[in-house]
Structure formats: C-alpha cells, structure tokens
Amino acid sequence: MKTTFEFSVESLLFGFENPKGNIEQVLFAKKVAEYEGISYCNRLAKLSFADDSVNTAVAGAVPLDETLVLGYEGWSDSVFHLCIRSGRTAIRMATGSFPNREIVMYDDYSNAVLLNKLSEEQVREVFDFIWKNMDLMQPKPGYMFRED
C-alpha cells in the first residue's frame, strides 16, 4: 500500500515589484543561489511537513531550522533548490528544473544524519506539486503603508 506524506509550501517573500522578506532567510537564499550559480533568486518558500520527524537530527528534537525552496522562476523556465537551513549551515537536498522536470539529488542529503529523510520519490512529489502550483511560490502581495 502506498503511503502519502503531507506537506505545505508557503512563500516567504512579499511585494511584486521588489520582493522582500525576512533578512536572515533572504541572505541565506542569496548565498545558496550564488553557490548554485543563480544570478537572480526571485523565489523563496518554506516547506513544512505534517510529520515532525522529517529533517530532525535527534529523536524528540526540534526539526532543523527550515526546509526551504529557493531559486529562479522566469517566463519559460525555472530552477528550484530544496535545502535545509540550520543555524549557519545548510544541507543541499535536490535541484529541480522546469520545463524538463529534471531532478538531481545531492549526496549532502543522503549522507546527512537525520532520523527521517525524504525518499527520492517524495522529493519528486514535492517538485511535481510545486510545478503544478507555481502560484504558491509567488511573492505575497506587498503591504501598503498609510500616512495619517
């Protein structure tokens, strides 16, 4: 019997003209994007799992800081990186390219000491969900400031 796992995707950026977000998350995304060779990172989202043991290092521990999806979405293509941010370190999980739907898994993740890691099939399910629901990766509407 095939079991499904539940997850959600939440954009961490807001504003369409000049997207902004939490400075710590944005700086992390910028560093990862530079490392991965992305000159312009315009998408950043948090991936949350119903199972709290996913990406947890020690039994009963709090999951590592965040599982993030970051990258570039253009008119006809996109490249997204799935990674874990923990303090000052990162674990690269996978990269997914669209429209060819190619996914590359990284040894960083397969070699990481975690209680519950996503399988390649689950990573593919995450990327397929994102590609079918690209609106979830869009920055949230910006906030209007009112002067009194």
C-alpha atoms as a PDB file:
ATOM      1  CA  MET A   1       0.000   0.000   0.000  1.00  0.00           C
ATOM      2  CA  LYS A   2       1.365   3.391  -0.982  1.00  0.00           C
ATOM      3  CA  THR A   3       1.507   5.905   1.820  1.00  0.00           C
ATOM      4  CA  THR A   4       1.345   9.612   1.188  1.00  0.00           C
ATOM      5  CA  PHE A   5       3.048  12.276   3.153  1.00  0.00           C
ATOM      6  CA  GLU A   6       1.624  15.709   3.800  1.00  0.00           C
ATOM      7  CA  PHE A   7       3.446  18.978   3.327  1.00  0.00           C
ATOM      8  CA  SER A   8       2.715  22.614   2.619  1.00  0.00           C
ATOM      9  CA  VAL A   9       4.512  25.350   0.696  1.00  0.00           C
ATOM     10  CA  GLU A  10       4.442  28.954   1.915  1.00  0.00           C
ATOM     11  CA  SER A  11       6.103  31.843   0.102  1.00  0.00           C
ATOM     12  CA  LEU A  12       8.426  33.842   2.352  1.00  0.00           C
ATOM     13  CA  LEU A  13       8.614  36.876   0.060  1.00  0.00           C
ATOM     14  CA  PHE A  14       6.156  39.741  -0.322  1.00  0.00           C
ATOM     15  CA  GLY A  15       5.769  42.512  -2.869  1.00  0.00           C
ATOM     16  CA  PHE A  16       5.830  42.015  -6.624  1.00  0.00           C
ATOM     17  CA  GLU A  17       7.982  44.882  -7.929  1.00  0.00           C
ATOM     18  CA  ASN A  18      10.846  44.438  -5.487  1.00  0.00           C
ATOM     19  CA  PRO A  19      10.202  41.303  -3.378  1.00  0.00           C
ATOM     20  CA  LYS A  20      11.326  41.458   0.233  1.00  0.00           C
ATOM     21  CA  GLY A  21      11.362  39.040   3.132  1.00  0.00           C
ATOM     22  CA  ASN A  22      12.937  38.173   6.465  1.00  0.00           C
ATOM     23  CA  ILE A  23      16.523  39.390   6.190  1.00  0.00           C
ATOM     24  CA  GLU A  24      18.033  36.180   7.600  1.00  0.00           C
ATOM     25  CA  GLN A  25      16.135  33.969   5.153  1.00  0.00           C
ATOM     26  CA  VAL A  26      16.777  36.286   2.196  1.00  0.00           C
ATOM     27  CA  LEU A  27      20.521  36.470   2.895  1.00  0.00           C
ATOM     28  CA  PHE A  28      20.654  32.681   3.225  1.00  0.00           C
ATOM     29  CA  ALA A  29      18.809  32.291  -0.091  1.00  0.00           C
ATOM     30  CA  LYS A  30      21.183  34.740  -1.751  1.00  0.00           C
ATOM     31  CA  LYS A  31      24.235  32.783  -0.535  1.00  0.00           C
ATOM     32  CA  VAL A  32      22.819  29.457  -1.708  1.00  0.00           C
ATOM     33  CA  ALA A  33      21.811  30.978  -5.068  1.00  0.00           C
ATOM     34  CA  GLU A  34      25.318  32.359  -5.571  1.00  0.00           C
ATOM     35  CA  TYR A  35      26.801  28.969  -4.679  1.00  0.00           C
ATOM     36  CA  GLU A  36      24.450  27.251  -7.143  1.00  0.00           C
ATOM     37  CA  GLY A  37      25.216  29.781  -9.898  1.00  0.00           C
ATOM     38  CA  ILE A  38      21.850  31.550  -9.922  1.00  0.00           C
ATOM     39  CA  SER A  39      22.410  35.235 -10.619  1.00  0.00           C
ATOM     40  CA  TYR A  40      18.890  36.295  -9.657  1.00  0.00           C
ATOM     41  CA  CYS A  41      16.969  34.489  -6.897  1.00  0.00           C
ATOM     42  CA  ASN A  42      13.330  35.591  -7.113  1.00  0.00           C
ATOM     43  CA  ARG A  43      11.541  32.768  -5.270  1.00  0.00           C
ATOM     44  CA  LEU A  44      11.818  31.675  -1.647  1.00  0.00           C
ATOM     45  CA  ALA A  45       9.363  29.449   0.211  1.00  0.00           C
ATOM     46  CA  LYS A  46       9.227  27.323   3.331  1.00  0.00           C
ATOM     47  CA  LEU A  47       8.353  23.653   3.093  1.00  0.00           C
ATOM     48  CA  SER A  48       6.554  22.315   6.196  1.00  0.00           C
ATOM     49  CA  PHE A  49       5.780  18.665   6.882  1.00  0.00           C
ATOM     50  CA  ALA A  50       2.896  17.130   8.828  1.00  0.00           C
ATOM     51  CA  ASP A  51       5.391  14.591  10.213  1.00  0.00           C
ATOM     52  CA  ASP A  52       7.611  16.489  12.665  1.00  0.00           C
ATOM     53  CA  SER A  53      10.336  13.847  12.395  1.00  0.00           C
ATOM     54  CA  VAL A  54      11.236  14.886   8.827  1.00  0.00           C
ATOM     55  CA  ASN A  55      14.687  16.522   8.812  1.00  0.00           C
ATOM     56  CA  THR A  56      15.134  16.019  12.569  1.00  0.00           C
ATOM     57  CA  ALA A  57      18.638  15.194  13.754  1.00  0.00           C
ATOM     58  CA  VAL A  58      17.840  13.645  17.175  1.00  0.00           C
ATOM     59  CA  ALA A  59      14.796  11.711  18.420  1.00  0.00           C
ATOM     60  CA  GLY A  60      12.350  14.098  20.078  1.00  0.00           C
ATOM     61  CA  ALA A  61      14.348  17.115  18.924  1.00  0.00           C
ATOM     62  CA  VAL A  62      13.011  20.158  17.205  1.00  0.00           C
ATOM     63  CA  PRO A  63      13.327  19.869  13.412  1.00  0.00           C
ATOM     64  CA  LEU A  64      16.275  21.707  11.917  1.00  0.00           C
ATOM     65  CA  ASP A  65      15.505  25.378  11.353  1.00  0.00           C
ATOM     66  CA  GLU A  66      13.777  25.246   7.993  1.00  0.00           C
ATOM     67  CA  THR A  67      13.389  23.285   4.819  1.00  0.00           C
ATOM     68  CA  LEU A  68      13.434  25.877   2.053  1.00  0.00           C
ATOM     69  CA  VAL A  69      12.737  26.001  -1.661  1.00  0.00           C
ATOM     70  CA  LEU A  70      14.587  28.797  -3.413  1.00  0.00           C
ATOM     71  CA  GLY A  71      15.559  29.727  -6.903  1.00  0.00           C
ATOM     72  CA  TYR A  72      14.591  31.438 -10.089  1.00  0.00           C
ATOM     73  CA  GLU A  73      11.286  31.482 -11.960  1.00  0.00           C
ATOM     74  CA  GLY A  74      11.325  33.016 -15.432  1.00  0.00           C
ATOM     75  CA  TRP A  75       8.824  33.240 -18.280  1.00  0.00           C
ATOM     76  CA  SER A  76       9.554  29.820 -19.720  1.00  0.00           C
ATOM     77  CA  ASP A  77      11.780  28.057 -17.212  1.00  0.00           C
ATOM     78  CA  SER A  78      12.580  27.703 -13.542  1.00  0.00           C
ATOM     79  CA  VAL A  79      15.247  26.189 -11.321  1.00  0.00           C
ATOM     80  CA  PHE A  80      14.468  25.464  -7.684  1.00  0.00           C
ATOM     81  CA  HIS A  81      16.767  24.193  -4.957  1.00  0.00           C
ATOM     82  CA  LEU A  82      15.477  22.262  -1.983  1.00  0.00           C
ATOM     83  CA  CYS A  83      17.699  22.677   1.084  1.00  0.00           C
ATOM     84  CA  ILE A  84      17.718  22.678   4.863  1.00  0.00           C
ATOM     85  CA  ARG A  85      18.869  25.787   6.713  1.00  0.00           C
ATOM     86  CA  SER A  86      20.171  25.190  10.211  1.00  0.00           C
ATOM     87  CA  GLY A  87      21.967  27.968  12.007  1.00  0.00           C
ATOM     88  CA  ARG A  88      24.961  28.850   9.886  1.00  0.00           C
ATOM     89  CA  THR A  89      24.984  25.601   7.940  1.00  0.00           C
ATOM     90  CA  ALA A  90      22.977  24.200   5.069  1.00  0.00           C
ATOM     91  CA  ILE A  91      22.238  20.784   3.651  1.00  0.00           C
ATOM     92  CA  ARG A  92      21.574  20.677  -0.082  1.00  0.00           C
ATOM     93  CA  MET A  93      18.797  18.204  -0.813  1.00  0.00           C
ATOM     94  CA  ALA A  94      17.943  18.442  -4.530  1.00  0.00           C
ATOM     95  CA  THR A  95      17.611  20.704  -7.557  1.00  0.00           C
ATOM     96  CA  GLY A  96      14.636  20.630  -9.892  1.00  0.00           C
ATOM     97  CA  SER A  97      14.492  22.211 -13.345  1.00  0.00           C
ATOM     98  CA  PHE A  98      11.351  23.060 -15.284  1.00  0.00           C
ATOM     99  CA  PRO A  99      10.101  22.522 -18.023  1.00  0.00           C
ATOM    100  CA  ASN A 100      12.254  19.405 -18.492  1.00  0.00           C
ATOM    101  CA  ARG A 101      11.335  18.255 -14.945  1.00  0.00           C
ATOM    102  CA  GLU A 102      14.848  17.034 -14.246  1.00  0.00           C
ATOM    103  CA  ILE A 103      15.659  16.431 -10.571  1.00  0.00           C
ATOM    104  CA  VAL A 104      19.170  15.995  -9.201  1.00  0.00           C
ATOM    105  CA  MET A 105      19.546  14.577  -5.688  1.00  0.00           C
ATOM    106  CA  TYR A 106      22.631  15.510  -3.639  1.00  0.00           C
ATOM    107  CA  ASP A 107      24.898  13.291  -1.559  1.00  0.00           C
ATOM    108  CA  ASP A 108      24.866  16.044   1.102  1.00  0.00           C
ATOM    109  CA  TYR A 109      21.321  14.987   1.981  1.00  0.00           C
ATOM    110  CA  SER A 110      21.702  11.227   1.565  1.00  0.00           C
ATOM    111  CA  ASN A 111      24.801  11.305   3.812  1.00  0.00           C
ATOM    112  CA  ALA A 112      23.257  13.591   6.464  1.00  0.00           C
ATOM    113  CA  VAL A 113      22.500  12.030   9.842  1.00  0.00           C
ATOM    114  CA  LEU A 114      18.763  12.619  10.145  1.00  0.00           C
ATOM    115  CA  LEU A 115      16.019  10.437  11.609  1.00  0.00           C
ATOM    116  CA  ASN A 116      13.581  10.798   8.739  1.00  0.00           C
ATOM    117  CA  LYS A 117      14.760  11.869   5.318  1.00  0.00           C
ATOM    118  CA  LEU A 118      12.607  12.231   2.256  1.00  0.00           C
ATOM    119  CA  SER A 119      12.968   9.488  -0.314  1.00  0.00           C
ATOM    120  CA  GLU A 120      13.723  10.312  -3.945  1.00  0.00           C
ATOM    121  CA  GLU A 121      10.072   9.568  -4.705  1.00  0.00           C
ATOM    122  CA  GLN A 122       8.926  12.053  -2.030  1.00  0.00           C
ATOM    123  CA  VAL A 123      11.324  14.716  -3.336  1.00  0.00           C
ATOM    124  CA  ARG A 124       9.859  14.170  -6.822  1.00  0.00           C
ATOM    125  CA  GLU A 125       6.367  14.523  -5.321  1.00  0.00           C
ATOM    126  CA  VAL A 126       7.397  17.856  -3.745  1.00  0.00           C
ATOM    127  CA  PHE A 127       8.776  19.194  -7.030  1.00  0.00           C
ATOM    128  CA  ASP A 128       5.752  17.936  -9.011  1.00  0.00           C
ATOM    129  CA  PHE A 129       3.452  19.698  -6.548  1.00  0.00           C
ATOM    130  CA  ILE A 130       5.430  22.955  -6.846  1.00  0.00           C
ATOM    131  CA  TRP A 131       5.468  22.793 -10.660  1.00  0.00           C
ATOM    132  CA  LYS A 132       1.685  22.246 -10.712  1.00  0.00           C
ATOM    133  CA  ASN A 133       1.107  25.039  -8.160  1.00  0.00           C
ATOM    134  CA  MET A 134       3.658  27.712  -9.134  1.00  0.00           C
ATOM    135  CA  ASP A 135       1.371  30.379  -7.663  1.00  0.00           C
ATOM    136  CA  LEU A 136       2.422  29.174  -4.191  1.00  0.00           C
ATOM    137  CA  MET A 137       5.982  30.273  -4.970  1.00  0.00           C
ATOM    138  CA  GLN A 138       4.882  33.774  -5.991  1.00  0.00           C
ATOM    139  CA  PRO A 139       5.628  36.578  -3.532  1.00  0.00           C
ATOM    140  CA  LYS A 140       2.627  37.555  -1.428  1.00  0.00           C
ATOM    141  CA  PRO A 141       1.042  40.928  -2.184  1.00  0.00           C
ATOM    142  CA  GLY A 142       3.023  43.840  -0.699  1.00  0.00           C
ATOM    143  CA  TYR A 143       1.809  45.808   2.246  1.00  0.00           C
ATOM    144  CA  MET A 144       0.516  49.330   1.720  1.00  0.00           C
ATOM    145  CA  PHE A 145       1.533  51.888   4.276  1.00  0.00           C
ATOM    146  CA  ARG A 146      -0.929  54.573   5.160  1.00  0.00           C
ATOM    147  CA  GLU A 147       0.045  58.036   6.227  1.00  0.00           C
ATOM    148  CA  ASP A 148      -2.280  59.705   8.743  1.00  0.00           C
END
